[in-house]
């Protein structure tokens, strides 16, 4: 489980650049990152082979999304299985997320 902790630390350090009062909640193999009570990032163990690290934004063009994909690729280059930006909708509000699947 060292890999998930490494990915969580990387994600936390990245998000600190976008939120000065970043809060982290850890439970089992899940790390959630909040900025002023809004979820802005997560790290979750997907299965025995990969971990997902994700950041969230209300804007598709937000630099927090674009930069995250680039920074993950720089740090975990040969270990990135899949990455991208997708849209999701919840309660009549759309949000976007940059996701990365990293091999364990």
N, C-alpha and C. Protein backbone atom coordinates (compact mmCIF):
# COMPACT_ATOMS: atom_id res chain seq x y z
N UNK A 1 0.81 -1.20 0.00
CA UNK A 1 0.00 0.00 0.00
C UNK A 1 0.85 1.27 0.00
N UNK A 2 2.15 1.08 -0.15
CA UNK A 2 3.03 2.24 -0.22
C UNK A 2 2.72 3.10 -1.45
N UNK A 3 2.35 2.46 -2.54
CA UNK A 3 2.09 3.19 -3.78
C UNK A 3 0.91 4.14 -3.62
N UNK A 4 -0.17 3.67 -3.00
CA UNK A 4 -1.34 4.54 -2.83
C UNK A 4 -0.99 5.75 -1.95
N UNK A 5 -0.15 5.54 -0.95
CA UNK A 5 0.28 6.65 -0.10
C UNK A 5 1.17 7.62 -0.87
N UNK A 6 2.00 7.08 -1.74
CA UNK A 6 2.86 7.93 -2.58
C UNK A 6 2.00 8.78 -3.53
N UNK A 7 1.01 8.17 -4.14
CA UNK A 7 0.11 8.89 -5.04
C UNK A 7 -0.70 9.93 -4.27
N UNK A 8 -1.16 9.57 -3.07
CA UNK A 8 -1.92 10.52 -2.24
C UNK A 8 -1.07 11.72 -1.85
N UNK A 9 0.17 11.48 -1.48
CA UNK A 9 1.08 12.58 -1.11
C UNK A 9 1.32 13.49 -2.31
N UNK A 10 1.54 12.90 -3.49
CA UNK A 10 1.72 13.67 -4.71
C UNK A 10 0.48 14.53 -4.98
N UNK A 11 -0.70 13.93 -4.88
CA UNK A 11 -1.95 14.65 -5.15
C UNK A 11 -2.15 15.77 -4.14
N UNK A 12 -1.89 15.50 -2.87
CA UNK A 12 -2.01 16.52 -1.83
C UNK A 12 -1.06 17.69 -2.11
N UNK A 13 0.18 17.41 -2.43
CA UNK A 13 1.15 18.47 -2.73
C UNK A 13 0.71 19.28 -3.93
N UNK A 14 0.17 18.61 -4.96
CA UNK A 14 -0.31 19.32 -6.14
C UNK A 14 -1.46 20.25 -5.77
N UNK A 15 -2.42 19.76 -5.01
CA UNK A 15 -3.61 20.54 -4.67
C UNK A 15 -3.30 21.72 -3.74
N UNK A 16 -2.23 21.63 -2.98
CA UNK A 16 -1.85 22.74 -2.11
C UNK A 16 -1.54 24.00 -2.92
N UNK A 17 -1.17 23.84 -4.17
CA UNK A 17 -0.92 24.99 -5.04
C UNK A 17 -2.21 25.72 -5.41
N UNK A 18 -3.34 25.06 -5.23
CA UNK A 18 -4.63 25.63 -5.62
C UNK A 18 -5.53 25.95 -4.43
N UNK A 19 -5.16 25.48 -3.24
CA UNK A 19 -5.97 25.72 -2.05
C UNK A 19 -5.06 25.83 -0.83
N UNK A 20 -5.06 26.98 -0.20
CA UNK A 20 -4.19 27.19 0.95
C UNK A 20 -4.71 26.49 2.20
N UNK A 21 -6.00 26.21 2.25
CA UNK A 21 -6.58 25.55 3.43
C UNK A 21 -7.08 24.16 3.05
N UNK A 22 -6.24 23.41 2.38
CA UNK A 22 -6.59 22.07 1.94
C UNK A 22 -6.79 21.15 3.14
N UNK A 23 -7.89 20.40 3.11
CA UNK A 23 -8.16 19.42 4.15
C UNK A 23 -8.14 18.03 3.54
N UNK A 24 -7.56 17.07 4.28
CA UNK A 24 -7.48 15.70 3.79
C UNK A 24 -8.22 14.79 4.75
N UNK A 25 -9.03 13.91 4.17
CA UNK A 25 -9.72 12.88 4.96
C UNK A 25 -9.29 11.53 4.41
N UNK A 26 -8.87 10.66 5.31
CA UNK A 26 -8.38 9.34 4.91
C UNK A 26 -9.23 8.27 5.57
N UNK A 27 -9.68 7.31 4.78
CA UNK A 27 -10.41 6.17 5.33
C UNK A 27 -10.15 4.96 4.44
N UNK A 28 -9.72 3.88 5.07
CA UNK A 28 -9.34 2.66 4.34
C UNK A 28 -8.35 3.00 3.24
N UNK A 29 -8.63 2.66 2.02
CA UNK A 29 -7.73 2.97 0.90
C UNK A 29 -8.27 4.11 0.06
N UNK A 30 -8.78 5.14 0.73
CA UNK A 30 -9.37 6.29 0.04
C UNK A 30 -8.89 7.57 0.71
N UNK A 31 -8.46 8.51 -0.12
CA UNK A 31 -8.05 9.83 0.36
C UNK A 31 -8.92 10.86 -0.35
N UNK A 32 -9.55 11.74 0.43
CA UNK A 32 -10.39 12.80 -0.14
C UNK A 32 -9.80 14.14 0.26
N UNK A 33 -9.76 15.08 -0.70
CA UNK A 33 -9.18 16.40 -0.47
C UNK A 33 -10.25 17.46 -0.68
N UNK A 34 -10.40 18.33 0.31
CA UNK A 34 -11.44 19.36 0.29
C UNK A 34 -10.81 20.74 0.39
N UNK A 35 -11.45 21.69 -0.30
CA UNK A 35 -11.08 23.10 -0.22
C UNK A 35 -12.35 23.86 0.11
N UNK A 36 -12.42 24.43 1.30
CA UNK A 36 -13.62 25.14 1.76
C UNK A 36 -14.87 24.27 1.61
N UNK A 37 -14.79 23.05 2.07
CA UNK A 37 -15.88 22.07 2.06
C UNK A 37 -16.27 21.56 0.68
N UNK A 38 -15.52 21.89 -0.35
CA UNK A 38 -15.76 21.36 -1.70
C UNK A 38 -14.72 20.29 -2.02
N UNK A 39 -15.17 19.17 -2.51
CA UNK A 39 -14.25 18.11 -2.92
C UNK A 39 -13.49 18.56 -4.16
N UNK A 40 -12.15 18.59 -4.06
CA UNK A 40 -11.36 18.99 -5.23
C UNK A 40 -10.40 17.90 -5.68
N UNK A 41 -10.31 16.81 -4.92
CA UNK A 41 -9.41 15.74 -5.33
C UNK A 41 -9.66 14.46 -4.56
N UNK A 42 -9.23 13.35 -5.15
CA UNK A 42 -9.36 12.05 -4.48
C UNK A 42 -8.31 11.08 -4.99
N UNK A 43 -7.99 10.12 -4.15
CA UNK A 43 -7.12 9.00 -4.51
C UNK A 43 -7.81 7.75 -3.98
N UNK A 44 -8.05 6.79 -4.89
CA UNK A 44 -8.81 5.60 -4.54
C UNK A 44 -8.15 4.38 -5.14
N UNK A 45 -8.05 3.32 -4.36
CA UNK A 45 -7.56 2.04 -4.87
C UNK A 45 -8.68 1.42 -5.70
N UNK A 46 -8.42 1.19 -7.00
CA UNK A 46 -9.45 0.65 -7.89
C UNK A 46 -9.52 -0.87 -7.82
N UNK A 47 -8.37 -1.50 -7.84
CA UNK A 47 -8.30 -2.96 -7.75
C UNK A 47 -6.88 -3.34 -7.37
N UNK A 48 -6.53 -4.59 -7.52
CA UNK A 48 -5.19 -5.05 -7.13
C UNK A 48 -4.08 -4.55 -8.04
N UNK A 49 -4.46 -3.92 -9.16
CA UNK A 49 -3.47 -3.51 -10.15
C UNK A 49 -3.33 -2.00 -10.35
N UNK A 50 -4.31 -1.22 -9.87
CA UNK A 50 -4.24 0.22 -10.15
C UNK A 50 -4.90 1.08 -9.08
N UNK A 51 -4.42 2.32 -9.03
CA UNK A 51 -4.95 3.34 -8.15
C UNK A 51 -5.36 4.53 -9.03
N UNK A 52 -6.43 5.21 -8.64
CA UNK A 52 -6.90 6.37 -9.39
C UNK A 52 -6.65 7.63 -8.58
N UNK A 53 -6.14 8.65 -9.25
CA UNK A 53 -6.02 9.97 -8.65
C UNK A 53 -6.76 10.95 -9.55
N UNK A 54 -7.60 11.78 -8.92
CA UNK A 54 -8.53 12.61 -9.67
C UNK A 54 -8.62 13.99 -9.03
N UNK A 55 -8.74 15.03 -9.88
CA UNK A 55 -9.05 16.37 -9.40
C UNK A 55 -10.32 16.85 -10.09
N UNK A 56 -11.05 17.74 -9.43
CA UNK A 56 -12.37 18.17 -9.88
C UNK A 56 -12.42 19.68 -10.04
N UNK A 57 -13.27 20.13 -10.99
CA UNK A 57 -13.47 21.56 -11.21
C UNK A 57 -14.83 21.79 -11.85
N UNK A 58 -15.37 22.98 -11.68
CA UNK A 58 -16.64 23.33 -12.31
C UNK A 58 -16.44 23.85 -13.73
N UNK A 59 -15.18 24.08 -14.14
CA UNK A 59 -14.88 24.63 -15.47
C UNK A 59 -13.98 23.68 -16.25
N UNK A 60 -14.35 23.41 -17.49
CA UNK A 60 -13.57 22.50 -18.34
C UNK A 60 -12.18 23.05 -18.63
N UNK A 61 -12.04 24.35 -18.73
CA UNK A 61 -10.76 24.95 -19.08
C UNK A 61 -9.88 25.28 -17.88
N UNK A 62 -10.28 24.86 -16.70
CA UNK A 62 -9.55 25.18 -15.48
C UNK A 62 -8.14 24.58 -15.54
N UNK A 63 -7.15 25.38 -15.19
CA UNK A 63 -5.76 24.91 -15.24
C UNK A 63 -5.50 23.79 -14.24
N UNK A 64 -6.29 23.69 -13.18
CA UNK A 64 -6.10 22.60 -12.21
C UNK A 64 -6.27 21.25 -12.90
N UNK A 65 -7.13 21.17 -13.90
CA UNK A 65 -7.35 19.93 -14.65
C UNK A 65 -6.22 19.66 -15.63
N UNK A 66 -5.94 20.63 -16.48
CA UNK A 66 -4.91 20.46 -17.53
C UNK A 66 -3.53 20.20 -16.94
N UNK A 67 -3.17 20.98 -15.95
CA UNK A 67 -1.84 20.83 -15.34
C UNK A 67 -1.70 19.50 -14.62
N UNK A 68 -2.80 19.00 -14.06
CA UNK A 68 -2.73 17.75 -13.31
C UNK A 68 -2.32 16.58 -14.21
N UNK A 69 -2.92 16.50 -15.38
CA UNK A 69 -2.57 15.42 -16.31
C UNK A 69 -1.08 15.46 -16.65
N UNK A 70 -0.58 16.66 -16.90
CA UNK A 70 0.83 16.83 -17.25
C UNK A 70 1.74 16.46 -16.08
N UNK A 71 1.41 16.92 -14.89
CA UNK A 71 2.25 16.65 -13.71
C UNK A 71 2.26 15.16 -13.36
N UNK A 72 1.12 14.50 -13.49
CA UNK A 72 1.07 13.06 -13.21
C UNK A 72 1.94 12.31 -14.21
N UNK A 73 1.84 12.70 -15.48
CA UNK A 73 2.64 12.02 -16.51
C UNK A 73 4.14 12.23 -16.26
N UNK A 74 4.52 13.43 -15.82
CA UNK A 74 5.92 13.70 -15.51
C UNK A 74 6.40 12.84 -14.35
N UNK A 75 5.59 12.71 -13.32
CA UNK A 75 6.00 12.01 -12.10
C UNK A 75 5.91 10.49 -12.22
N UNK A 76 4.83 9.99 -12.83
CA UNK A 76 4.57 8.55 -12.89
C UNK A 76 4.60 8.05 -14.34
N UNK A 77 5.46 8.58 -15.15
CA UNK A 77 5.47 8.36 -16.60
C UNK A 77 5.17 6.94 -17.05
N UNK A 78 6.00 5.98 -16.76
CA UNK A 78 5.80 4.63 -17.25
C UNK A 78 4.71 3.86 -16.53
N UNK A 79 4.13 4.44 -15.50
CA UNK A 79 3.14 3.76 -14.68
C UNK A 79 1.71 4.20 -14.97
N UNK A 80 1.52 5.23 -15.81
CA UNK A 80 0.19 5.73 -16.12
C UNK A 80 -0.48 4.79 -17.12
N UNK A 81 -1.60 4.22 -16.71
CA UNK A 81 -2.36 3.29 -17.55
C UNK A 81 -3.33 4.05 -18.45
N UNK A 82 -4.01 5.03 -17.87
CA UNK A 82 -5.00 5.81 -18.61
C UNK A 82 -5.16 7.15 -17.93
N UNK A 83 -5.45 8.18 -18.72
CA UNK A 83 -5.75 9.49 -18.16
C UNK A 83 -6.64 10.26 -19.12
N UNK A 84 -7.37 11.23 -18.59
CA UNK A 84 -8.25 12.03 -19.41
C UNK A 84 -9.06 13.00 -18.57
N UNK A 85 -9.87 13.79 -19.27
CA UNK A 85 -10.79 14.73 -18.63
C UNK A 85 -12.19 14.37 -19.08
N UNK A 86 -13.10 14.26 -18.13
CA UNK A 86 -14.49 13.91 -18.42
C UNK A 86 -15.44 14.86 -17.71
N UNK A 87 -16.70 14.84 -18.15
CA UNK A 87 -17.74 15.65 -17.53
C UNK A 87 -18.71 14.73 -16.81
N UNK A 88 -19.22 15.19 -15.70
CA UNK A 88 -20.23 14.46 -14.97
C UNK A 88 -21.28 15.46 -14.50
N UNK A 89 -22.48 14.99 -14.26
CA UNK A 89 -23.54 15.87 -13.80
C UNK A 89 -24.16 15.34 -12.53
N UNK A 90 -24.40 16.23 -11.59
CA UNK A 90 -25.03 15.86 -10.34
C UNK A 90 -26.02 16.95 -9.96
N UNK A 91 -27.23 16.58 -9.71
CA UNK A 91 -28.24 17.54 -9.26
C UNK A 91 -28.27 18.82 -10.09
N UNK A 92 -28.35 18.67 -11.38
CA UNK A 92 -28.44 19.78 -12.33
C UNK A 92 -27.18 20.64 -12.40
N UNK A 93 -26.08 20.16 -11.87
CA UNK A 93 -24.81 20.89 -11.97
C UNK A 93 -23.78 20.00 -12.64
N UNK A 94 -23.13 20.53 -13.64
CA UNK A 94 -22.06 19.79 -14.30
C UNK A 94 -20.74 20.08 -13.61
N UNK A 95 -19.89 19.08 -13.57
CA UNK A 95 -18.53 19.29 -13.11
C UNK A 95 -17.60 18.45 -13.98
N UNK A 96 -16.34 18.78 -13.95
CA UNK A 96 -15.35 18.12 -14.77
C UNK A 96 -14.29 17.51 -13.88
N UNK A 97 -13.69 16.44 -14.36
CA UNK A 97 -12.65 15.81 -13.57
C UNK A 97 -11.55 15.28 -14.46
N UNK A 98 -10.32 15.46 -13.98
CA UNK A 98 -9.14 14.91 -14.64
C UNK A 98 -8.75 13.68 -13.85
N UNK A 99 -8.78 12.54 -14.53
CA UNK A 99 -8.49 11.28 -13.84
C UNK A 99 -7.23 10.65 -14.39
N UNK A 100 -6.58 9.88 -13.56
CA UNK A 100 -5.36 9.15 -13.91
C UNK A 100 -5.41 7.79 -13.25
N UNK A 101 -5.18 6.74 -14.00
CA UNK A 101 -5.05 5.42 -13.43
C UNK A 101 -3.57 5.07 -13.46
N UNK A 102 -3.03 4.73 -12.31
CA UNK A 102 -1.61 4.45 -12.17
C UNK A 102 -1.44 3.00 -11.69
N UNK A 103 -0.54 2.28 -12.31
CA UNK A 103 -0.33 0.88 -11.94
C UNK A 103 0.37 0.78 -10.60
N UNK A 104 0.04 -0.25 -9.86
CA UNK A 104 0.65 -0.48 -8.54
C UNK A 104 1.99 -1.17 -8.69
